[in-house]
Each structure stands twice: as structure tokens, then as C-alpha cells.
Amino acid sequence: MKRAGTAAAALAVLAWSLAPIAWQLLTSLKSPEGLTRLPPILPQPFSLQSYAAVLGDASLLRMFLNSTVVAACSTALALALGAPAAFAVACLPMPGRRAFLLLALSSALIPAVALLGPLYSLIRALGLRDTWGALILTHGAFLLPLTVWTLAHFFSEVPRDLYRAGLLDGLGPVGIFWRLYLPLSTGGLAAAAILDFIFSWNEFLFALTFTNTDAARTVPVGIALFAGLHELPFGDLAAASIAVSLPVLALALVFQRGIVAGLTRGAVKG
């Protein structure tokens, strides 16, 4: 009975979570005439007209490219800066490293809207308005605390004797980090990269504020404005939502173990 109750609860939560996605999928497969009729819930007949319209929209394809470039570059920037910082916190003699990690993580809890005004003024002063650079720098900065927190634990799990062996072989901290620790922490790097990529791909507020044309506008903003570009956007909007969710869904399914590891590991050994 206990197992049956657990299974029933899990199924209920799963159904509750998947219901909006299933509804969007069914809507995207309906013909324009079928969108105005309910019942039936299932498309009769199935139609790919909405997907054809979405995939044939050059502006949406441009936004998809923007999201890919911004997410990839933001992830690379966060890893390039966060990995050495995490190594220093986890492995080098540093007083108060736990307090530093807590401070770094608490900085990520600041509401983004509270920083929107100063960041907008800075982006405009740098001449980066409506460019990839504005989003890459902003996303990379906000991803740093999560990256440092995630990687610090993985670096701390590497045996301390390896660090001492590197010193005996004449390597400095940079050489130990580059030659020894990075190759042994590929799992942590992958987990941090996946989490960073998903955050940047889904980010909306900064992308909406710092862009105003298709030159740098990302997919979440494009979908939010999609309704204003079409007379009857329901089917096209559903198709666009499903299409742009597929890359993140694929990453989450393939690397779900790494995502869970990155979210549940965050303490540095004393």
C-alpha cells in the first residue's frame, strides 16, 4: 500500500507537470480551423502547418541563433572565470573560504530587477545596447556564483595528495590546476556548463531590456512578442514554444545525472 501510494503521488505530480506541455503540443498540431473548436481535444486531423510557419519565419530563426550564441558564450565565460576561482577556494590556503562561498551564493539571490537600472545605464554607456555582448557579459556575471559553488565541491573531492605531488614535481598552482585538476573534474565542468547554459537560454528580463531588434533578441523574448506579429497566433505560438524547448529538453534528458549532481553538491570539505 505504501508503494502504491508513492507511485500514485508520483504519477499525479508527473501529470500536473506535463499537462501544460501536452496541451501546447496538442495545440501546435491542430489546424487553424481546429483551434477554435473544443471538443475534440485531440487534433482532427493532425496538422504541421504551425511548425511550417514557425520554421519558415526568418526572424525566429535569427532569435534561435542569438540564444545559442549568447548561451554558449555566457557558459564559456562563466567557466573560464569560475573554474580558477573555485580551485582557489577549494584547494589553496585561504581563510574563510566557507564564508566566501556563502557570500558568493547569497549574491545570486539578489533579484535581477533590483540591478536592472544600473546595468542598463552601464550597457548603454559601453555602447553595447542591442548586441550579443550585453547579454553575454550580464549572463556570465550572474552565472559566476553558481559556477564557483558547483565546481568548488568537485575540486575538493580530488585527493589532496595529488596537489602535494604536483608541488614536488615543480608545478605551481596554475600548473596543478591546468594539468591535474581540470582533467579529473570533467564531470563537474559538464554539470556546471549544463546548468549555466539552461539558465542563459531561459533568461528573459535582461534580454527584454537590453535588446530591441532581431539583431540580438533571444528566443524567450521573441516568443513573448510573437502574439503581436500574427493575426491568430495560438497554433504558431504553441509550435514555437515546443520547438525552442527541444534543445534544453534534450540536454536535460541526456545529462540529467550531471544536473542533479551539480544541484546537490555544493559544500567544500574542511
C-alpha atoms as a PDB file:
ATOM      1  CA  MET A   1       0.000   0.000   0.000  1.00  0.00           C
ATOM      2  CA  LYS A   2       2.847   2.342   0.795  1.00  0.00           C
ATOM      3  CA  ARG A   3       4.481   1.718  -2.576  1.00  0.00           C
ATOM      4  CA  ALA A   4       1.152   2.119  -4.348  1.00  0.00           C
ATOM      5  CA  GLY A   5       0.554   5.438  -2.589  1.00  0.00           C
ATOM      6  CA  THR A   6       4.027   6.667  -3.511  1.00  0.00           C
ATOM      7  CA  ALA A   7       3.534   5.630  -7.127  1.00  0.00           C
ATOM      8  CA  ALA A   8       0.133   7.344  -7.278  1.00  0.00           C
ATOM      9  CA  ALA A   9       1.565  10.550  -5.818  1.00  0.00           C
ATOM     10  CA  ALA A  10       4.464  10.470  -8.270  1.00  0.00           C
ATOM     11  CA  LEU A  11       2.081   9.964 -11.194  1.00  0.00           C
ATOM     12  CA  ALA A  12      -0.089  12.836 -10.003  1.00  0.00           C
ATOM     13  CA  VAL A  13       2.896  15.185  -9.792  1.00  0.00           C
ATOM     14  CA  LEU A  14       4.109  13.999 -13.209  1.00  0.00           C
ATOM     15  CA  ALA A  15       0.691  14.564 -14.773  1.00  0.00           C
ATOM     16  CA  TRP A  16       0.432  18.025 -13.197  1.00  0.00           C
ATOM     17  CA  SER A  17       3.897  18.949 -14.525  1.00  0.00           C
ATOM     18  CA  LEU A  18       3.425  17.559 -18.032  1.00  0.00           C
ATOM     19  CA  ALA A  19      -0.145  18.791 -18.599  1.00  0.00           C
ATOM     20  CA  PRO A  20       0.835  22.275 -19.883  1.00  0.00           C
ATOM     21  CA  ILE A  21       3.456  20.783 -22.201  1.00  0.00           C
ATOM     22  CA  ALA A  22       0.985  18.211 -23.530  1.00  0.00           C
ATOM     23  CA  TRP A  23      -1.601  20.944 -24.111  1.00  0.00           C
ATOM     24  CA  GLN A  24       0.915  23.046 -26.031  1.00  0.00           C
ATOM     25  CA  LEU A  25       1.914  20.040 -28.125  1.00  0.00           C
ATOM     26  CA  LEU A  26      -1.698  19.229 -28.995  1.00  0.00           C
ATOM     27  CA  THR A  27      -2.390  22.867 -29.825  1.00  0.00           C
ATOM     28  CA  SER A  28       0.639  23.039 -32.109  1.00  0.00           C
ATOM     29  CA  LEU A  29      -0.635  20.036 -34.081  1.00  0.00           C
ATOM     30  CA  LYS A  30      -4.089  21.457 -34.778  1.00  0.00           C
ATOM     31  CA  SER A  31      -5.135  23.121 -37.986  1.00  0.00           C
ATOM     32  CA  PRO A  32      -6.194  26.791 -37.850  1.00  0.00           C
ATOM     33  CA  GLU A  33      -9.828  25.676 -38.040  1.00  0.00           C
ATOM     34  CA  GLY A  34      -9.379  23.166 -35.234  1.00  0.00           C
ATOM     35  CA  LEU A  35      -8.032  25.816 -32.851  1.00  0.00           C
ATOM     36  CA  THR A  36     -11.492  27.323 -32.478  1.00  0.00           C
ATOM     37  CA  ARG A  37     -13.260  24.024 -31.699  1.00  0.00           C
ATOM     38  CA  LEU A  38     -13.254  22.251 -28.335  1.00  0.00           C
ATOM     39  CA  PRO A  39     -14.021  19.359 -28.183  1.00  0.00           C
ATOM     40  CA  PRO A  40     -12.290  17.427 -29.596  1.00  0.00           C
ATOM     41  CA  ILE A  41      -9.111  17.833 -27.573  1.00  0.00           C
ATOM     42  CA  LEU A  42      -7.025  15.714 -29.922  1.00  0.00           C
ATOM     43  CA  PRO A  43      -6.199  17.287 -33.294  1.00  0.00           C
ATOM     44  CA  GLN A  44      -8.521  16.055 -36.039  1.00  0.00           C
ATOM     45  CA  PRO A  45      -6.706  15.887 -38.377  1.00  0.00           C
ATOM     46  CA  PHE A  46      -3.105  16.368 -37.278  1.00  0.00           C
ATOM     47  CA  SER A  47      -1.520  19.366 -38.966  1.00  0.00           C
ATOM     48  CA  LEU A  48       2.079  20.596 -39.203  1.00  0.00           C
ATOM     49  CA  GLN A  49       1.037  23.949 -40.605  1.00  0.00           C
ATOM     50  CA  SER A  50       2.037  25.833 -37.443  1.00  0.00           C
ATOM     51  CA  TYR A  51       5.503  24.272 -37.446  1.00  0.00           C
ATOM     52  CA  ALA A  52       5.946  25.140 -41.109  1.00  0.00           C
ATOM     53  CA  ALA A  53       5.048  28.753 -40.367  1.00  0.00           C
ATOM     54  CA  VAL A  54       7.405  28.935 -37.396  1.00  0.00           C
ATOM     55  CA  LEU A  55      10.378  27.262 -39.074  1.00  0.00           C
ATOM     56  CA  GLY A  56       9.856  29.456 -42.103  1.00  0.00           C
ATOM     57  CA  ASP A  57       9.989  32.632 -40.027  1.00  0.00           C
ATOM     58  CA  ALA A  58      13.427  34.176 -40.584  1.00  0.00           C
ATOM     59  CA  SER A  59      13.157  36.406 -37.504  1.00  0.00           C
ATOM     60  CA  LEU A  60      12.514  33.453 -35.193  1.00  0.00           C
ATOM     61  CA  LEU A  61      15.423  31.525 -36.704  1.00  0.00           C
ATOM     62  CA  ARG A  62      17.609  34.571 -36.074  1.00  0.00           C
ATOM     63  CA  MET A  63      16.478  34.644 -32.439  1.00  0.00           C
ATOM     64  CA  PHE A  64      17.277  30.955 -32.144  1.00  0.00           C
ATOM     65  CA  LEU A  65      20.804  31.707 -33.366  1.00  0.00           C
ATOM     66  CA  ASN A  66      21.067  34.598 -30.906  1.00  0.00           C
ATOM     67  CA  SER A  67      20.030  32.387 -27.995  1.00  0.00           C
ATOM     68  CA  THR A  68      22.510  29.688 -28.982  1.00  0.00           C
ATOM     69  CA  VAL A  69      25.438  32.093 -29.280  1.00  0.00           C
ATOM     70  CA  VAL A  70      24.590  34.006 -26.097  1.00  0.00           C
ATOM     71  CA  ALA A  71      24.061  30.856 -24.023  1.00  0.00           C
ATOM     72  CA  ALA A  72      27.231  29.186 -25.314  1.00  0.00           C
ATOM     73  CA  CYS A  73      29.425  32.273 -24.842  1.00  0.00           C
ATOM     74  CA  SER A  74      27.949  33.066 -21.418  1.00  0.00           C
ATOM     75  CA  THR A  75      28.631  29.500 -20.305  1.00  0.00           C
ATOM     76  CA  ALA A  76      32.185  29.653 -21.608  1.00  0.00           C
ATOM     77  CA  LEU A  77      32.791  32.991 -19.850  1.00  0.00           C
ATOM     78  CA  ALA A  78      31.391  31.720 -16.551  1.00  0.00           C
ATOM     79  CA  LEU A  79      33.523  28.570 -16.707  1.00  0.00           C
ATOM     80  CA  ALA A  80      36.665  30.455 -17.699  1.00  0.00           C
ATOM     81  CA  LEU A  81      36.365  32.779 -14.692  1.00  0.00           C
ATOM     82  CA  GLY A  82      34.618  30.453 -12.261  1.00  0.00           C
ATOM     83  CA  ALA A  83      36.858  27.398 -12.561  1.00  0.00           C
ATOM     84  CA  PRO A  84      40.067  29.139 -11.370  1.00  0.00           C
ATOM     85  CA  ALA A  85      38.138  30.870  -8.591  1.00  0.00           C
ATOM     86  CA  ALA A  86      36.620  27.577  -7.457  1.00  0.00           C
ATOM     87  CA  PHE A  87      40.060  25.927  -7.498  1.00  0.00           C
ATOM     88  CA  ALA A  88      41.488  28.709  -5.349  1.00  0.00           C
ATOM     89  CA  VAL A  89      38.645  28.416  -2.856  1.00  0.00           C
ATOM     90  CA  ALA A  90      38.747  24.627  -2.675  1.00  0.00           C
ATOM     91  CA  CYS A  91      42.485  23.909  -2.789  1.00  0.00           C
ATOM     92  CA  LEU A  92      44.627  26.902  -1.897  1.00  0.00           C
ATOM     93  CA  PRO A  93      45.228  28.002   1.705  1.00  0.00           C
ATOM     94  CA  MET A  94      42.530  30.608   2.074  1.00  0.00           C
ATOM     95  CA  PRO A  95      40.972  31.698   5.370  1.00  0.00           C
ATOM     96  CA  GLY A  96      37.213  31.984   5.456  1.00  0.00           C
ATOM     97  CA  ARG A  97      36.583  30.032   2.280  1.00  0.00           C
ATOM     98  CA  ARG A  98      33.215  28.757   3.522  1.00  0.00           C
ATOM     99  CA  ALA A  99      32.131  32.314   4.232  1.00  0.00           C
ATOM    100  CA  PHE A 100      33.313  33.317   0.758  1.00  0.00           C
ATOM    101  CA  LEU A 101      31.231  30.571  -0.850  1.00  0.00           C
ATOM    102  CA  LEU A 102      28.155  31.536   1.148  1.00  0.00           C
ATOM    103  CA  LEU A 103      28.671  35.169   0.187  1.00  0.00           C
ATOM    104  CA  ALA A 104      29.039  34.219  -3.474  1.00  0.00           C
ATOM    105  CA  LEU A 105      25.891  32.112  -3.371  1.00  0.00           C
ATOM    106  CA  SER A 106      23.913  34.777  -1.499  1.00  0.00           C
ATOM    107  CA  SER A 107      24.821  37.319  -4.189  1.00  0.00           C
ATOM    108  CA  ALA A 108      22.951  35.137  -6.663  1.00  0.00           C
ATOM    109  CA  LEU A 109      19.800  35.587  -4.578  1.00  0.00           C
ATOM    110  CA  ILE A 110      19.615  39.333  -5.287  1.00  0.00           C
ATOM    111  CA  PRO A 111      16.552  39.959  -7.501  1.00  0.00           C
ATOM    112  CA  ALA A 112      17.614  40.748 -11.035  1.00  0.00           C
ATOM    113  CA  VAL A 113      15.058  43.558 -11.270  1.00  0.00           C
ATOM    114  CA  ALA A 114      16.884  45.392  -8.456  1.00  0.00           C
ATOM    115  CA  LEU A 115      20.001  45.628 -10.655  1.00  0.00           C
ATOM    116  CA  LEU A 116      18.224  46.298 -13.920  1.00  0.00           C
ATOM    117  CA  GLY A 117      18.517  50.108 -13.814  1.00  0.00           C
ATOM    118  CA  PRO A 118      22.269  50.332 -13.084  1.00  0.00           C
ATOM    119  CA  LEU A 119      23.047  47.554 -15.544  1.00  0.00           C
ATOM    120  CA  TYR A 120      21.052  49.258 -18.278  1.00  0.00           C
ATOM    121  CA  SER A 121      22.947  52.513 -17.708  1.00  0.00           C
ATOM    122  CA  LEU A 122      26.262  50.641 -17.839  1.00  0.00           C
ATOM    123  CA  ILE A 123      25.353  48.741 -21.002  1.00  0.00           C
ATOM    124  CA  ARG A 124      24.269  51.949 -22.718  1.00  0.00           C
ATOM    125  CA  ALA A 125      27.434  53.778 -21.616  1.00  0.00           C
ATOM    126  CA  LEU A 126      29.567  50.983 -23.074  1.00  0.00           C
ATOM    127  CA  GLY A 127      27.692  51.127 -26.374  1.00  0.00           C
ATOM    128  CA  LEU A 128      26.528  47.521 -26.083  1.00  0.00           C
ATOM    129  CA  ARG A 129      22.784  48.129 -26.337  1.00  0.00           C
ATOM    130  CA  ASP A 130      21.117  45.585 -28.626  1.00  0.00           C
ATOM    131  CA  THR A 131      24.231  43.421 -29.016  1.00  0.00           C
ATOM    132  CA  TRP A 132      25.249  39.908 -28.063  1.00  0.00           C
ATOM    133  CA  GLY A 133      27.930  41.387 -25.812  1.00  0.00           C
ATOM    134  CA  ALA A 134      25.384  42.982 -23.481  1.00  0.00           C
ATOM    135  CA  LEU A 135      23.711  39.648 -22.769  1.00  0.00           C
ATOM    136  CA  ILE A 136      26.921  37.609 -22.674  1.00  0.00           C
ATOM    137  CA  LEU A 137      28.524  39.868 -20.072  1.00  0.00           C
ATOM    138  CA  THR A 138      25.364  40.113 -17.976  1.00  0.00           C
ATOM    139  CA  HIS A 139      24.557  36.406 -18.075  1.00  0.00           C
ATOM    140  CA  GLY A 140      28.190  35.472 -17.444  1.00  0.00           C
ATOM    141  CA  ALA A 141      28.327  37.682 -14.352  1.00  0.00           C
ATOM    142  CA  PHE A 142      25.114  36.230 -12.921  1.00  0.00           C
ATOM    143  CA  LEU A 143      26.286  32.681 -13.637  1.00  0.00           C
ATOM    144  CA  LEU A 144      29.584  33.064 -11.768  1.00  0.00           C
ATOM    145  CA  PRO A 145      28.284  32.347  -8.235  1.00  0.00           C
ATOM    146  CA  LEU A 146      26.563  29.139  -9.308  1.00  0.00           C
ATOM    147  CA  THR A 147      29.631  28.066 -11.280  1.00  0.00           C
ATOM    148  CA  VAL A 148      32.019  28.680  -8.381  1.00  0.00           C
ATOM    149  CA  TRP A 149      29.701  26.944  -5.911  1.00  0.00           C
ATOM    150  CA  THR A 150      29.307  23.892  -8.152  1.00  0.00           C
ATOM    151  CA  LEU A 151      32.953  23.464  -9.141  1.00  0.00           C
ATOM    152  CA  ALA A 152      34.408  24.089  -5.687  1.00  0.00           C
ATOM    153  CA  HIS A 153      32.936  20.843  -4.447  1.00  0.00           C
ATOM    154  CA  PHE A 154      34.244  18.809  -7.361  1.00  0.00           C
ATOM    155  CA  PHE A 155      37.743  20.240  -6.925  1.00  0.00           C
ATOM    156  CA  SER A 156      37.629  19.498  -3.209  1.00  0.00           C
ATOM    157  CA  GLU A 157      36.921  15.830  -3.974  1.00  0.00           C
ATOM    158  CA  VAL A 158      40.241  15.412  -5.806  1.00  0.00           C
ATOM    159  CA  PRO A 159      42.690  13.739  -3.362  1.00  0.00           C
ATOM    160  CA  ARG A 160      44.834  16.301  -1.589  1.00  0.00           C
ATOM    161  CA  ASP A 161      47.904  14.115  -2.155  1.00  0.00           C
ATOM    162  CA  LEU A 162      47.675  14.942  -5.854  1.00  0.00           C
ATOM    163  CA  TYR A 163      48.188  18.614  -5.082  1.00  0.00           C
ATOM    164  CA  ARG A 164      51.227  17.821  -2.940  1.00  0.00           C
ATOM    165  CA  ALA A 165      52.611  15.561  -5.659  1.00  0.00           C
ATOM    166  CA  GLY A 166      52.295  18.389  -8.156  1.00  0.00           C
ATOM    167  CA  LEU A 167      54.256  20.699  -5.869  1.00  0.00           C
ATOM    168  CA  LEU A 168      57.006  18.090  -5.501  1.00  0.00           C
ATOM    169  CA  ASP A 169      57.226  17.814  -9.297  1.00  0.00           C
ATOM    170  CA  GLY A 170      57.834  21.548  -9.556  1.00  0.00           C
ATOM    171  CA  LEU A 171      54.379  22.655 -10.642  1.00  0.00           C
ATOM    172  CA  GLY A 172      52.894  25.861  -9.346  1.00  0.00           C
ATOM    173  CA  PRO A 173      49.204  26.371  -8.534  1.00  0.00           C
ATOM    174  CA  VAL A 174      48.439  27.287 -12.148  1.00  0.00           C
ATOM    175  CA  GLY A 175      50.143  24.175 -13.491  1.00  0.00           C
ATOM    176  CA  ILE A 176      48.418  21.949 -10.930  1.00  0.00           C
ATOM    177  CA  PHE A 177      45.061  23.449 -11.818  1.00  0.00           C
ATOM    178  CA  TRP A 178      45.583  23.148 -15.571  1.00  0.00           C
ATOM    179  CA  ARG A 179      47.356  19.780 -15.793  1.00  0.00           C
ATOM    180  CA  LEU A 180      45.933  17.829 -12.882  1.00  0.00           C
ATOM    181  CA  TYR A 181      42.653  19.167 -11.553  1.00  0.00           C
ATOM    182  CA  LEU A 182      40.855  20.125 -14.750  1.00  0.00           C
ATOM    183  CA  PRO A 183      41.265  16.701 -16.414  1.00  0.00           C
ATOM    184  CA  LEU A 184      39.955  14.994 -13.262  1.00  0.00           C
ATOM    185  CA  SER A 185      36.929  17.295 -12.908  1.00  0.00           C
ATOM    186  CA  THR A 186      35.315  16.955 -16.314  1.00  0.00           C
ATOM    187  CA  GLY A 187      32.091  15.732 -14.680  1.00  0.00           C
ATOM    188  CA  GLY A 188      31.856  18.867 -12.576  1.00  0.00           C
ATOM    189  CA  LEU A 189      32.661  21.086 -15.545  1.00  0.00           C
ATOM    190  CA  ALA A 190      29.930  19.365 -17.574  1.00  0.00           C
ATOM    191  CA  ALA A 191      27.378  19.778 -14.766  1.00  0.00           C
ATOM    192  CA  ALA A 192      28.208  23.470 -14.345  1.00  0.00           C
ATOM    193  CA  ALA A 193      28.119  24.030 -18.111  1.00  0.00           C
ATOM    194  CA  ILE A 194      24.681  22.438 -18.446  1.00  0.00           C
ATOM    195  CA  LEU A 195      23.203  24.460 -15.596  1.00  0.00           C
ATOM    196  CA  ASP A 196      24.729  27.672 -16.950  1.00  0.00           C
ATOM    197  CA  PHE A 197      23.505  27.013 -20.485  1.00  0.00           C
ATOM    198  CA  ILE A 198      19.931  26.331 -19.359  1.00  0.00           C
ATOM    199  CA  PHE A 199      19.841  29.493 -17.244  1.00  0.00           C
ATOM    200  CA  SER A 200      21.145  31.668 -20.076  1.00  0.00           C
ATOM    201  CA  TRP A 201      18.813  30.069 -22.633  1.00  0.00           C
ATOM    202  CA  ASN A 202      15.742  30.744 -20.487  1.00  0.00           C
ATOM    203  CA  GLU A 203      16.685  34.224 -19.207  1.00  0.00           C
ATOM    204  CA  PHE A 204      14.046  36.805 -20.120  1.00  0.00           C
ATOM    205  CA  LEU A 205      14.311  40.054 -18.154  1.00  0.00           C
ATOM    206  CA  PHE A 206      17.770  41.195 -19.279  1.00  0.00           C
ATOM    207  CA  ALA A 207      17.164  40.015 -22.844  1.00  0.00           C
ATOM    208  CA  LEU A 208      13.952  42.042 -22.985  1.00  0.00           C
ATOM    209  CA  THR A 209      15.563  45.184 -21.548  1.00  0.00           C
ATOM    210  CA  PHE A 210      18.907  45.186 -23.357  1.00  0.00           C
ATOM    211  CA  THR A 211      17.648  44.325 -26.870  1.00  0.00           C
ATOM    212  CA  ASN A 212      15.141  45.961 -29.151  1.00  0.00           C
ATOM    213  CA  THR A 213      15.636  44.331 -32.578  1.00  0.00           C
ATOM    214  CA  ASP A 214      16.095  40.860 -34.016  1.00  0.00           C
ATOM    215  CA  ALA A 215      19.828  41.516 -34.221  1.00  0.00           C
ATOM    216  CA  ALA A 216      20.282  40.379 -30.602  1.00  0.00           C
ATOM    217  CA  ARG A 217      16.807  39.453 -29.346  1.00  0.00           C
ATOM    218  CA  THR A 218      16.651  35.941 -27.892  1.00  0.00           C
ATOM    219  CA  VAL A 219      14.019  33.239 -28.177  1.00  0.00           C
ATOM    220  CA  PRO A 220      12.148  33.846 -24.866  1.00  0.00           C
ATOM    221  CA  VAL A 221      11.649  37.496 -25.795  1.00  0.00           C
ATOM    222  CA  GLY A 222      10.689  36.574 -29.342  1.00  0.00           C
ATOM    223  CA  ILE A 223       8.001  34.190 -28.144  1.00  0.00           C
ATOM    224  CA  ALA A 224       6.659  36.790 -25.713  1.00  0.00           C
ATOM    225  CA  LEU A 225       6.307  39.236 -28.625  1.00  0.00           C
ATOM    226  CA  PHE A 226       5.106  36.599 -31.054  1.00  0.00           C
ATOM    227  CA  ALA A 227       1.442  37.319 -30.476  1.00  0.00           C
ATOM    228  CA  GLY A 228       1.857  40.848 -31.761  1.00  0.00           C
ATOM    229  CA  LEU A 229       3.207  39.676 -35.104  1.00  0.00           C
ATOM    230  CA  HIS A 230       0.409  37.307 -36.159  1.00  0.00           C
ATOM    231  CA  GLU A 231      -3.344  37.606 -36.505  1.00  0.00           C
ATOM    232  CA  LEU A 232      -4.137  34.201 -34.925  1.00  0.00           C
ATOM    233  CA  PRO A 233      -1.003  33.208 -33.020  1.00  0.00           C
ATOM    234  CA  PHE A 234      -2.280  30.323 -30.910  1.00  0.00           C
ATOM    235  CA  GLY A 235      -1.046  27.459 -33.053  1.00  0.00           C
ATOM    236  CA  ASP A 236       2.150  29.226 -34.118  1.00  0.00           C
ATOM    237  CA  LEU A 237       2.876  30.271 -30.555  1.00  0.00           C
ATOM    238  CA  ALA A 238       2.474  26.699 -29.323  1.00  0.00           C
ATOM    239  CA  ALA A 239       4.664  25.361 -32.117  1.00  0.00           C
ATOM    240  CA  ALA A 240       7.357  27.949 -31.381  1.00  0.00           C
ATOM    241  CA  SER A 241       7.278  27.105 -27.674  1.00  0.00           C
ATOM    242  CA  ILE A 242       7.721  23.394 -28.369  1.00  0.00           C
ATOM    243  CA  ALA A 243      10.447  23.962 -30.963  1.00  0.00           C
ATOM    244  CA  VAL A 244      12.629  26.195 -28.804  1.00  0.00           C
ATOM    245  CA  SER A 245      12.191  23.949 -25.755  1.00  0.00           C
ATOM    246  CA  LEU A 246      13.620  20.904 -27.514  1.00  0.00           C
ATOM    247  CA  PRO A 247      17.345  21.805 -27.157  1.00  0.00           C
ATOM    248  CA  VAL A 248      17.042  22.375 -23.412  1.00  0.00           C
ATOM    249  CA  LEU A 249      14.856  19.290 -23.002  1.00  0.00           C
ATOM    250  CA  ALA A 250      17.415  17.186 -24.865  1.00  0.00           C
ATOM    251  CA  LEU A 251      20.233  18.483 -22.650  1.00  0.00           C
ATOM    252  CA  ALA A 252      18.223  17.834 -19.510  1.00  0.00           C
ATOM    253  CA  LEU A 253      17.376  14.268 -20.526  1.00  0.00           C
ATOM    254  CA  VAL A 254      20.873  13.338 -21.687  1.00  0.00           C
ATOM    255  CA  PHE A 255      22.741  14.950 -18.788  1.00  0.00           C
ATOM    256  CA  GLN A 256      20.180  14.659 -16.002  1.00  0.00           C
ATOM    257  CA  ARG A 257      22.655  12.894 -13.703  1.00  0.00           C
ATOM    258  CA  GLY A 258      25.098  15.745 -14.087  1.00  0.00           C
ATOM    259  CA  ILE A 259      22.394  18.318 -13.404  1.00  0.00           C
ATOM    260  CA  VAL A 260      21.343  16.557 -10.210  1.00  0.00           C
ATOM    261  CA  ALA A 261      24.968  16.271  -9.131  1.00  0.00           C
ATOM    262  CA  GLY A 262      25.541  19.955  -9.757  1.00  0.00           C
ATOM    263  CA  LEU A 263      22.492  20.950  -7.735  1.00  0.00           C
ATOM    264  CA  THR A 264      23.126  18.635  -4.767  1.00  0.00           C
ATOM    265  CA  ARG A 265      26.864  19.056  -4.368  1.00  0.00           C
ATOM    266  CA  GLY A 266      27.970  22.357  -3.015  1.00  0.00           C
ATOM    267  CA  ALA A 267      29.930  22.011   0.192  1.00  0.00           C
ATOM    268  CA  VAL A 268      33.694  22.307   0.393  1.00  0.00           C
ATOM    269  CA  LYS A 269      35.424  19.906   2.693  1.00  0.00           C
ATOM    270  CA  GLY A 270      37.157  21.392   5.659  1.00  0.00           C
END
